[in-house]
Amino acid sequence: QVQLVESGGGLVQPGGSLTLSCTASGIQLSLYTMHWYRQGPEKQRELIANIFSDGHTNYADSVKGRFTISRHDVNNTMYLQMNSLKPEDTAVYYCNAVSRARDLWGQGTQVTVSS
C-alpha cells in the first residue's frame, strides 16, 4: 500500500521543540520532492519546507532558522525538527511527496504551541 504517515505532533510550550516524522510505504522517498505544509486555524495551507532528491532544501521565511527538514533514506522517513516554537506555529502539519506520476499526502499531525 502506498501511503505517507505523519507522527510526532503534540502540545508543547512556547520556546520548546518537536520533531515530526513522515514515514513512507510503497515508495522510495529519495526519488521524490518532499514537502512539509501546515494549516493553522482559519488559515490557508502554507508550504514551510521542502527537500529535493539531491538533498537541497528550502524554507519559508516564517520558519527559517528554527525548523530543519531532513530525510533518512534507510528509514524511508522525512523529518521536521522544530525549535523555538511559537504560538503561531500551531497548525496541522502535512507531508507531501511529489513526482511526475504521484502527488501523495499524509493524514496530518496536530502541533499546538501553548502555555
N, C-alpha and C. Protein backbone atom coordinates (compact mmCIF):
# COMPACT_ATOMS: atom_id res chain seq x y z
N GLN A 1 0.85 -1.19 0.00
CA GLN A 1 0.00 0.00 0.00
C GLN A 1 0.88 1.24 0.00
N VAL A 2 0.59 2.18 -0.89
CA VAL A 2 1.34 3.42 -0.97
C VAL A 2 0.73 4.43 -0.01
N GLN A 3 1.51 4.89 0.95
CA GLN A 3 0.99 5.87 1.88
C GLN A 3 2.10 6.60 2.60
N LEU A 4 1.73 7.77 3.14
CA LEU A 4 2.60 8.57 4.00
C LEU A 4 1.91 8.67 5.35
N VAL A 5 2.67 8.47 6.41
CA VAL A 5 2.10 8.55 7.76
C VAL A 5 2.94 9.51 8.59
N GLU A 6 2.30 10.59 9.06
CA GLU A 6 2.99 11.54 9.92
C GLU A 6 2.83 11.14 11.39
N SER A 7 3.79 11.53 12.19
CA SER A 7 3.71 11.33 13.62
C SER A 7 4.59 12.37 14.30
N GLY A 8 4.42 12.47 15.63
CA GLY A 8 5.29 13.35 16.40
C GLY A 8 4.66 14.65 16.86
N GLY A 9 3.43 14.91 16.44
CA GLY A 9 2.77 16.13 16.89
C GLY A 9 2.39 16.05 18.35
N GLY A 10 1.94 17.19 18.87
CA GLY A 10 1.53 17.23 20.27
C GLY A 10 1.46 18.63 20.79
N LEU A 11 1.36 18.73 22.10
CA LEU A 11 1.29 20.01 22.79
C LEU A 11 2.66 20.35 23.35
N VAL A 12 3.12 21.57 23.07
CA VAL A 12 4.44 21.99 23.54
C VAL A 12 4.35 23.45 23.97
N GLN A 13 5.15 23.83 24.94
CA GLN A 13 5.17 25.21 25.41
C GLN A 13 5.96 26.09 24.45
N PRO A 14 5.65 27.38 24.42
CA PRO A 14 6.45 28.29 23.60
C PRO A 14 7.93 28.19 23.95
N GLY A 15 8.74 28.18 22.91
CA GLY A 15 10.18 28.01 23.08
C GLY A 15 10.63 26.56 23.04
N GLY A 16 9.68 25.65 23.04
CA GLY A 16 10.01 24.23 23.04
C GLY A 16 10.31 23.69 21.66
N SER A 17 10.52 22.38 21.61
CA SER A 17 10.90 21.70 20.38
C SER A 17 10.05 20.46 20.16
N LEU A 18 9.86 20.13 18.91
CA LEU A 18 9.22 18.88 18.50
C LEU A 18 9.89 18.41 17.22
N THR A 19 9.85 17.10 17.01
CA THR A 19 10.30 16.53 15.74
C THR A 19 9.17 15.74 15.13
N LEU A 20 8.78 16.13 13.93
CA LEU A 20 7.76 15.40 13.18
C LEU A 20 8.42 14.40 12.25
N SER A 21 7.73 13.29 12.05
CA SER A 21 8.21 12.26 11.13
C SER A 21 7.16 12.00 10.06
N CYS A 22 7.62 11.65 8.90
CA CYS A 22 6.75 11.26 7.78
C CYS A 22 7.35 10.00 7.19
N THR A 23 6.72 8.88 7.47
CA THR A 23 7.25 7.59 7.02
C THR A 23 6.46 7.11 5.82
N ALA A 24 7.18 6.69 4.81
CA ALA A 24 6.55 6.26 3.56
C ALA A 24 6.56 4.75 3.45
N SER A 25 5.52 4.24 2.84
CA SER A 25 5.47 2.83 2.45
C SER A 25 5.02 2.76 1.00
N GLY A 26 5.62 1.84 0.28
CA GLY A 26 5.24 1.66 -1.12
C GLY A 26 5.96 2.55 -2.11
N ILE A 27 6.72 3.52 -1.59
CA ILE A 27 7.51 4.40 -2.46
C ILE A 27 8.87 4.62 -1.83
N GLN A 28 9.82 5.07 -2.63
CA GLN A 28 11.16 5.39 -2.13
C GLN A 28 11.26 6.91 -2.05
N LEU A 29 11.30 7.44 -0.84
CA LEU A 29 11.25 8.89 -0.65
C LEU A 29 12.38 9.62 -1.37
N SER A 30 13.52 8.99 -1.49
CA SER A 30 14.67 9.68 -2.09
C SER A 30 14.44 10.03 -3.55
N LEU A 31 13.42 9.44 -4.16
CA LEU A 31 13.13 9.71 -5.57
C LEU A 31 12.09 10.81 -5.74
N TYR A 32 11.60 11.34 -4.63
CA TYR A 32 10.53 12.33 -4.65
C TYR A 32 11.03 13.69 -4.14
N THR A 33 10.34 14.73 -4.58
CA THR A 33 10.46 16.01 -3.91
C THR A 33 9.47 15.98 -2.75
N MET A 34 10.00 16.25 -1.56
CA MET A 34 9.20 16.13 -0.34
C MET A 34 8.95 17.51 0.25
N HIS A 35 7.73 17.71 0.72
CA HIS A 35 7.33 18.99 1.29
C HIS A 35 6.70 18.79 2.66
N TRP A 36 6.87 19.78 3.52
CA TRP A 36 6.07 19.93 4.72
C TRP A 36 5.18 21.17 4.53
N TYR A 37 3.89 20.96 4.76
CA TYR A 37 2.92 22.05 4.76
C TYR A 37 2.32 22.13 6.16
N ARG A 38 1.69 23.25 6.43
CA ARG A 38 0.90 23.36 7.65
C ARG A 38 -0.33 24.22 7.37
N GLN A 39 -1.36 23.97 8.17
CA GLN A 39 -2.59 24.77 8.07
C GLN A 39 -3.05 25.10 9.47
N GLY A 40 -2.95 26.39 9.82
CA GLY A 40 -3.39 26.85 11.12
C GLY A 40 -4.86 27.14 11.12
N PRO A 41 -5.40 27.40 12.31
CA PRO A 41 -6.83 27.69 12.43
C PRO A 41 -7.24 28.87 11.55
N GLU A 42 -8.19 28.65 10.70
CA GLU A 42 -8.73 29.70 9.82
C GLU A 42 -7.65 30.31 8.93
N LYS A 43 -6.66 29.50 8.57
CA LYS A 43 -5.60 29.96 7.67
C LYS A 43 -5.52 29.04 6.46
N GLN A 44 -4.91 29.54 5.39
CA GLN A 44 -4.67 28.71 4.22
C GLN A 44 -3.48 27.78 4.46
N ARG A 45 -3.47 26.67 3.74
CA ARG A 45 -2.33 25.76 3.84
C ARG A 45 -1.07 26.46 3.35
N GLU A 46 -0.01 26.31 4.10
CA GLU A 46 1.25 27.03 3.85
C GLU A 46 2.38 26.04 3.64
N LEU A 47 3.15 26.22 2.57
CA LEU A 47 4.36 25.43 2.36
C LEU A 47 5.46 26.00 3.24
N ILE A 48 6.04 25.18 4.10
CA ILE A 48 7.05 25.69 5.01
C ILE A 48 8.44 25.16 4.75
N ALA A 49 8.57 24.00 4.12
CA ALA A 49 9.91 23.47 3.84
C ALA A 49 9.81 22.39 2.79
N ASN A 50 10.88 22.24 2.02
CA ASN A 50 10.95 21.10 1.12
C ASN A 50 12.38 20.62 0.98
N ILE A 51 12.48 19.38 0.51
CA ILE A 51 13.78 18.75 0.28
C ILE A 51 13.70 17.98 -1.02
N PHE A 52 14.67 18.24 -1.89
CA PHE A 52 14.68 17.60 -3.19
C PHE A 52 15.46 16.31 -3.11
N SER A 53 15.37 15.52 -4.19
CA SER A 53 16.03 14.22 -4.20
C SER A 53 17.54 14.35 -4.06
N ASP A 54 18.10 15.50 -4.45
CA ASP A 54 19.54 15.70 -4.32
C ASP A 54 19.91 16.24 -2.94
N GLY A 55 18.91 16.42 -2.08
CA GLY A 55 19.17 16.88 -0.71
C GLY A 55 19.06 18.37 -0.51
N HIS A 56 18.88 19.12 -1.58
CA HIS A 56 18.73 20.57 -1.46
C HIS A 56 17.45 20.90 -0.71
N THR A 57 17.52 21.90 0.15
CA THR A 57 16.37 22.27 0.98
C THR A 57 16.01 23.74 0.80
N ASN A 58 14.74 24.04 1.06
CA ASN A 58 14.23 25.40 1.07
C ASN A 58 13.30 25.56 2.27
N TYR A 59 13.22 26.81 2.76
CA TYR A 59 12.37 27.10 3.91
C TYR A 59 11.59 28.38 3.69
N ALA A 60 10.37 28.41 4.23
CA ALA A 60 9.62 29.66 4.27
C ALA A 60 10.28 30.59 5.28
N ASP A 61 10.13 31.89 5.05
CA ASP A 61 10.73 32.86 5.97
C ASP A 61 10.20 32.69 7.39
N SER A 62 8.96 32.23 7.51
CA SER A 62 8.34 32.11 8.83
C SER A 62 9.01 31.06 9.71
N VAL A 63 9.75 30.13 9.11
CA VAL A 63 10.36 29.05 9.90
C VAL A 63 11.88 28.99 9.73
N LYS A 64 12.42 29.80 8.85
CA LYS A 64 13.86 29.75 8.55
C LYS A 64 14.66 30.02 9.81
N GLY A 65 15.64 29.19 10.06
CA GLY A 65 16.48 29.33 11.24
C GLY A 65 15.95 28.61 12.47
N ARG A 66 14.70 28.17 12.40
CA ARG A 66 14.11 27.46 13.55
C ARG A 66 13.78 26.00 13.21
N PHE A 67 13.39 25.74 11.97
CA PHE A 67 12.99 24.40 11.55
C PHE A 67 14.06 23.82 10.63
N THR A 68 14.22 22.50 10.68
CA THR A 68 15.16 21.80 9.81
C THR A 68 14.47 20.59 9.21
N ILE A 69 14.47 20.52 7.90
CA ILE A 69 13.92 19.37 7.18
C ILE A 69 15.06 18.43 6.84
N SER A 70 14.80 17.13 6.96
CA SER A 70 15.82 16.15 6.62
C SER A 70 15.13 14.87 6.15
N ARG A 71 15.95 14.01 5.60
CA ARG A 71 15.42 12.74 5.07
C ARG A 71 16.41 11.65 5.41
N HIS A 72 15.90 10.52 5.90
CA HIS A 72 16.75 9.37 6.22
C HIS A 72 16.37 8.26 5.26
N ASP A 73 17.22 8.03 4.29
CA ASP A 73 16.85 7.12 3.21
C ASP A 73 16.74 5.67 3.68
N VAL A 74 17.54 5.26 4.63
CA VAL A 74 17.47 3.88 5.11
C VAL A 74 16.11 3.63 5.78
N ASN A 75 15.66 4.62 6.56
CA ASN A 75 14.37 4.50 7.24
C ASN A 75 13.20 4.89 6.35
N ASN A 76 13.52 5.45 5.16
CA ASN A 76 12.48 5.93 4.25
C ASN A 76 11.54 6.91 4.95
N THR A 77 12.15 7.81 5.70
CA THR A 77 11.40 8.74 6.54
C THR A 77 11.94 10.16 6.37
N MET A 78 11.03 11.11 6.35
CA MET A 78 11.39 12.52 6.34
C MET A 78 11.08 13.10 7.71
N TYR A 79 11.87 14.06 8.14
CA TYR A 79 11.71 14.66 9.45
C TYR A 79 11.57 16.17 9.35
N LEU A 80 10.95 16.75 10.36
CA LEU A 80 10.94 18.19 10.52
C LEU A 80 11.27 18.47 11.98
N GLN A 81 12.50 18.93 12.21
CA GLN A 81 12.92 19.33 13.55
C GLN A 81 12.48 20.77 13.76
N MET A 82 11.66 20.99 14.78
CA MET A 82 11.11 22.32 15.04
C MET A 82 11.60 22.82 16.39
N ASN A 83 12.34 23.91 16.38
CA ASN A 83 12.87 24.52 17.59
C ASN A 83 12.28 25.91 17.78
N SER A 84 12.43 26.42 18.99
CA SER A 84 11.95 27.77 19.31
C SER A 84 10.52 27.98 18.85
N LEU A 85 9.67 27.04 19.19
CA LEU A 85 8.29 27.08 18.71
C LEU A 85 7.53 28.26 19.30
N LYS A 86 6.64 28.80 18.48
CA LYS A 86 5.83 29.96 18.84
C LYS A 86 4.35 29.58 18.76
N PRO A 87 3.50 30.30 19.45
CA PRO A 87 2.05 30.02 19.35
C PRO A 87 1.55 30.04 17.90
N GLU A 88 2.11 30.90 17.09
CA GLU A 88 1.68 30.98 15.69
C GLU A 88 2.10 29.79 14.85
N ASP A 89 2.91 28.89 15.42
CA ASP A 89 3.25 27.64 14.73
C ASP A 89 2.15 26.59 14.92
N THR A 90 1.16 26.89 15.74
CA THR A 90 0.05 25.95 15.95
C THR A 90 -0.65 25.69 14.64
N ALA A 91 -0.75 24.42 14.27
CA ALA A 91 -1.33 24.04 12.97
C ALA A 91 -1.38 22.53 12.87
N VAL A 92 -2.08 22.06 11.84
CA VAL A 92 -1.95 20.67 11.41
C VAL A 92 -0.84 20.64 10.38
N TYR A 93 0.11 19.75 10.57
CA TYR A 93 1.28 19.65 9.69
C TYR A 93 1.11 18.42 8.79
N TYR A 94 1.35 18.63 7.50
CA TYR A 94 1.17 17.58 6.50
C TYR A 94 2.48 17.36 5.74
N CYS A 95 2.76 16.11 5.42
CA CYS A 95 3.85 15.85 4.49
C CYS A 95 3.27 15.50 3.12
N ASN A 96 4.06 15.78 2.11
CA ASN A 96 3.62 15.65 0.72
C ASN A 96 4.79 15.16 -0.10
N ALA A 97 4.55 14.14 -0.92
CA ALA A 97 5.57 13.58 -1.80
C ALA A 97 5.13 13.76 -3.23
N VAL A 98 5.99 14.36 -4.04
CA VAL A 98 5.62 14.68 -5.42
C VAL A 98 6.64 14.11 -6.39
N SER A 99 6.09 13.44 -7.42
CA SER A 99 6.90 13.02 -8.57
C SER A 99 6.09 13.34 -9.81
N ARG A 100 6.61 12.95 -10.98
CA ARG A 100 5.83 13.17 -12.20
C ARG A 100 4.53 12.39 -12.18
N ALA A 101 4.56 11.21 -11.53
CA ALA A 101 3.41 10.31 -11.59
C ALA A 101 2.52 10.39 -10.36
N ARG A 102 3.03 10.95 -9.24
CA ARG A 102 2.27 10.89 -8.00
C ARG A 102 2.32 12.22 -7.26
N ASP A 103 1.25 12.42 -6.47
CA ASP A 103 1.17 13.54 -5.55
C ASP A 103 0.48 12.97 -4.31
N LEU A 104 1.30 12.60 -3.31
CA LEU A 104 0.81 11.89 -2.13
C LEU A 104 0.80 12.79 -0.91
N TRP A 105 -0.23 12.60 -0.07
CA TRP A 105 -0.35 13.38 1.16
C TRP A 105 -0.54 12.44 2.34
N GLY A 106 0.02 12.84 3.46
CA GLY A 106 -0.27 12.17 4.71
C GLY A 106 -1.56 12.70 5.31
N GLN A 107 -1.92 12.13 6.46
CA GLN A 107 -3.20 12.48 7.09
C GLN A 107 -3.09 13.71 7.98
N GLY A 108 -1.87 14.14 8.27
CA GLY A 108 -1.66 15.32 9.10
C GLY A 108 -1.44 14.96 10.56
N THR A 109 -0.69 15.82 11.24
CA THR A 109 -0.47 15.67 12.68
C THR A 109 -0.58 17.05 13.32
N GLN A 110 -1.30 17.12 14.44
CA GLN A 110 -1.58 18.39 15.09
C GLN A 110 -0.40 18.82 15.97
N VAL A 111 0.01 20.06 15.80
CA VAL A 111 1.00 20.67 16.68
C VAL A 111 0.33 21.87 17.35
N THR A 112 0.36 21.90 18.66
CA THR A 112 -0.22 23.00 19.42
C THR A 112 0.85 23.59 20.32
N VAL A 113 1.09 24.89 20.15
CA VAL A 113 2.10 25.59 20.95
C VAL A 113 1.36 26.53 21.89
N SER A 114 1.39 26.20 23.16
CA SER A 114 0.62 26.96 24.14
C SER A 114 1.18 26.75 25.53
N SER A 115 1.07 27.78 26.35
CA SER A 115 1.48 27.66 27.74
C SER A 115 0.29 27.28 28.62
